Amino acid sequence: MKKPLPKFVLAGLLSLAALISAHGSISRAQEVPLINWAPPLEPPVNLVNLYRQPNSDYSAGHRGVDYQVVVGQTVLAPADGEVWFSGKVVNRELISIKHPDGNLTEFEPVCTDLQKGEQVFLGQEIGQICEADLGYRQHCQNAHCLHFSIRQLGEYLSPQVFIGGLNPSRLLAQSNQDR
């Protein structure tokens, strides 16, 4: 004879079913467009500083990636979007682009003639590497670099998640001796 399920197990299963059902309708209502991404420079690119996730919002880290560049080099839109900001911040020129998926990309030091609200498209020239003010500390020692960052819902992510270059995680089997 089968034992009936305890009431708390049944209640848990019903709650789980309700959550799955609600999540399905929420995720369908908040679908984000899929967009193509590419590096912001013509190949070959020289990635010199990787993204380093900080431990907290105020901890040290590197909230973007850096490419070695030369002054005057063309910077390209990594995806379709709209210019969110272009101008000087403290001691360097920068441009930021809001993308249809809600992500915000930022590039510095980049000089541009584009203005807030202008549409840009994947691979379009958005500016050139320019000299920053004397007080600006380059991200690369003894070289010019393009700093490229991405924010999603206010949180920084590695641009490599979007443009490629991250090695996939791999699960390793454990031997019986390691258990």
Foldseek 3Di string as FASTA:
>chain_A
DDDDDPPVVVVVVVVVVVVVVVVVVVCVVDDFDDWAFAAFADPPWAWDAFWFDAPDPPGDTALETKTFDDFFGWTWGRAKFWWQDFDDDPWATKTWTQHRRRKIKMKPRWHAPDHGGDIHGHGHTGTTHHDTHPPDDAPDPPTHIITMWMDHPRHTDYCCVRHNDDDDDDDDDDDPVVD
